[in-house]
Amino acid sequence: MDQQARRGDPGNRREISQSWASAGPEAAEKAGEALDYFGIAGFDGAFVAWQAEPEGSMRDQMALLTEAMVAIAERVLAGR
């Protein structure tokens, strides 16, 4: 496994962290770290599903991914 794969995507992690900035820098970093790989996998999975079934809605898939990421971040930040 190469170094980039082990670290995830620093840009992706930074964007996720910024979305949780109001929770404070430590919490934002924790959320970004927890969601880095999940966000990439979720987006890739939604894209592949859309390619397999183009009549499906990518917008709906992204809305579900967003809900899932928020729920995971909330649990992570709550210490569960």
C-alpha atoms as a PDB file:
ATOM      1  CA  MET A   1       0.000   0.000   0.000  1.00  0.00           C
ATOM      2  CA  ASP A   2       1.528   3.343  -0.912  1.00  0.00           C
ATOM      3  CA  GLN A   3       1.929   6.269   1.476  1.00  0.00           C
ATOM      4  CA  GLN A   4      -0.926   8.290  -0.067  1.00  0.00           C
ATOM      5  CA  ALA A   5      -3.381   5.411   0.400  1.00  0.00           C
ATOM      6  CA  ARG A   6      -2.390   5.016   4.063  1.00  0.00           C
ATOM      7  CA  ARG A   7      -2.770   8.742   4.787  1.00  0.00           C
ATOM      8  CA  GLY A   8      -5.990   9.258   2.866  1.00  0.00           C
ATOM      9  CA  ASP A   9      -6.536  12.448   0.947  1.00  0.00           C
ATOM     10  CA  PRO A  10      -5.249  15.501   2.814  1.00  0.00           C
ATOM     11  CA  GLY A  11      -7.504  17.809   0.789  1.00  0.00           C
ATOM     12  CA  ASN A  12     -10.538  15.695   1.565  1.00  0.00           C
ATOM     13  CA  ARG A  13      -9.684  15.575   5.268  1.00  0.00           C
ATOM     14  CA  ARG A  14      -9.142  19.361   5.338  1.00  0.00           C
ATOM     15  CA  GLU A  15     -12.519  20.025   3.676  1.00  0.00           C
ATOM     16  CA  ILE A  16     -14.312  17.737   6.108  1.00  0.00           C
ATOM     17  CA  SER A  17     -12.509  19.324   9.063  1.00  0.00           C
ATOM     18  CA  GLN A  18     -13.484  22.799   7.880  1.00  0.00           C
ATOM     19  CA  SER A  19     -17.138  21.798   7.863  1.00  0.00           C
ATOM     20  CA  TRP A  20     -16.830  21.013  11.599  1.00  0.00           C
ATOM     21  CA  ALA A  21     -14.752  24.104  12.474  1.00  0.00           C
ATOM     22  CA  SER A  22     -17.513  25.550  14.668  1.00  0.00           C
ATOM     23  CA  ALA A  23     -16.972  22.615  17.041  1.00  0.00           C
ATOM     24  CA  GLY A  24     -13.381  23.759  17.629  1.00  0.00           C
ATOM     25  CA  PRO A  25     -10.076  22.828  16.000  1.00  0.00           C
ATOM     26  CA  GLU A  26      -9.520  19.574  17.889  1.00  0.00           C
ATOM     27  CA  ALA A  27     -13.048  18.306  17.194  1.00  0.00           C
ATOM     28  CA  ALA A  28     -12.821  19.412  13.563  1.00  0.00           C
ATOM     29  CA  GLU A  29      -9.593  17.462  13.073  1.00  0.00           C
ATOM     30  CA  LYS A  30     -11.092  14.420  14.784  1.00  0.00           C
ATOM     31  CA  ALA A  31     -14.133  14.507  12.463  1.00  0.00           C
ATOM     32  CA  GLY A  32     -11.946  14.956   9.390  1.00  0.00           C
ATOM     33  CA  GLU A  33      -9.749  12.041  10.371  1.00  0.00           C
ATOM     34  CA  ALA A  34     -12.729   9.773  11.093  1.00  0.00           C
ATOM     35  CA  LEU A  35     -14.513  10.564   7.839  1.00  0.00           C
ATOM     36  CA  ASP A  36     -11.647  10.797   5.358  1.00  0.00           C
ATOM     37  CA  TYR A  37     -11.781   7.249   3.984  1.00  0.00           C
ATOM     38  CA  PHE A  38     -15.524   6.863   4.514  1.00  0.00           C
ATOM     39  CA  GLY A  39     -16.271   9.952   2.438  1.00  0.00           C
ATOM     40  CA  ILE A  40     -14.074   8.777  -0.427  1.00  0.00           C
ATOM     41  CA  ALA A  41     -15.556   5.286  -0.347  1.00  0.00           C
ATOM     42  CA  GLY A  42     -19.103   6.623  -0.157  1.00  0.00           C
ATOM     43  CA  PHE A  43     -18.613   8.960  -3.086  1.00  0.00           C
ATOM     44  CA  ASP A  44     -16.926   6.283  -5.183  1.00  0.00           C
ATOM     45  CA  GLY A  45     -19.661   3.794  -4.347  1.00  0.00           C
ATOM     46  CA  ALA A  46     -22.421   6.233  -5.264  1.00  0.00           C
ATOM     47  CA  PHE A  47     -20.690   7.031  -8.546  1.00  0.00           C
ATOM     48  CA  VAL A  48     -20.298   3.348  -9.454  1.00  0.00           C
ATOM     49  CA  ALA A  49     -23.944   2.690  -8.536  1.00  0.00           C
ATOM     50  CA  TRP A  50     -25.024   5.611 -10.726  1.00  0.00           C
ATOM     51  CA  GLN A  51     -22.958   4.255 -13.630  1.00  0.00           C
ATOM     52  CA  ALA A  52     -24.623   0.869 -13.238  1.00  0.00           C
ATOM     53  CA  GLU A  53     -28.085   2.422 -12.988  1.00  0.00           C
ATOM     54  CA  PRO A  54     -28.001   5.904 -14.613  1.00  0.00           C
ATOM     55  CA  GLU A  55     -31.717   6.487 -14.111  1.00  0.00           C
ATOM     56  CA  GLY A  56     -30.977   6.673 -10.386  1.00  0.00           C
ATOM     57  CA  SER A  57     -30.293  10.035  -8.811  1.00  0.00           C
ATOM     58  CA  MET A  58     -26.738  10.970  -7.900  1.00  0.00           C
ATOM     59  CA  ARG A  59     -28.200  13.910  -5.955  1.00  0.00           C
ATOM     60  CA  ASP A  60     -30.211  11.500  -3.784  1.00  0.00           C
ATOM     61  CA  GLN A  61     -27.121   9.351  -3.196  1.00  0.00           C
ATOM     62  CA  MET A  62     -25.072  12.394  -2.182  1.00  0.00           C
ATOM     63  CA  ALA A  63     -27.840  13.486   0.201  1.00  0.00           C
ATOM     64  CA  LEU A  64     -27.729  10.058   1.873  1.00  0.00           C
ATOM     65  CA  LEU A  65     -23.941  10.163   2.048  1.00  0.00           C
ATOM     66  CA  THR A  66     -24.108  13.595   3.677  1.00  0.00           C
ATOM     67  CA  GLU A  67     -26.592  12.350   6.280  1.00  0.00           C
ATOM     68  CA  ALA A  68     -24.403   9.338   7.027  1.00  0.00           C
ATOM     69  CA  MET A  69     -21.268  11.461   7.378  1.00  0.00           C
ATOM     70  CA  VAL A  70     -22.993  13.887   9.749  1.00  0.00           C
ATOM     71  CA  ALA A  71     -24.294  11.011  11.887  1.00  0.00           C
ATOM     72  CA  ILE A  72     -20.848   9.400  12.066  1.00  0.00           C
ATOM     73  CA  ALA A  73     -19.138  12.699  12.931  1.00  0.00           C
ATOM     74  CA  GLU A  74     -21.675  13.376  15.682  1.00  0.00           C
ATOM     75  CA  ARG A  75     -21.026   9.946  17.197  1.00  0.00           C
ATOM     76  CA  VAL A  76     -17.258  10.367  16.944  1.00  0.00           C
ATOM     77  CA  LEU A  77     -17.409  13.781  18.587  1.00  0.00           C
ATOM     78  CA  ALA A  78     -19.709  12.458  21.319  1.00  0.00           C
ATOM     79  CA  GLY A  79     -17.077   9.828  22.098  1.00  0.00           C
ATOM     80  CA  ARG A  80     -19.105   6.817  21.047  1.00  0.00           C
END
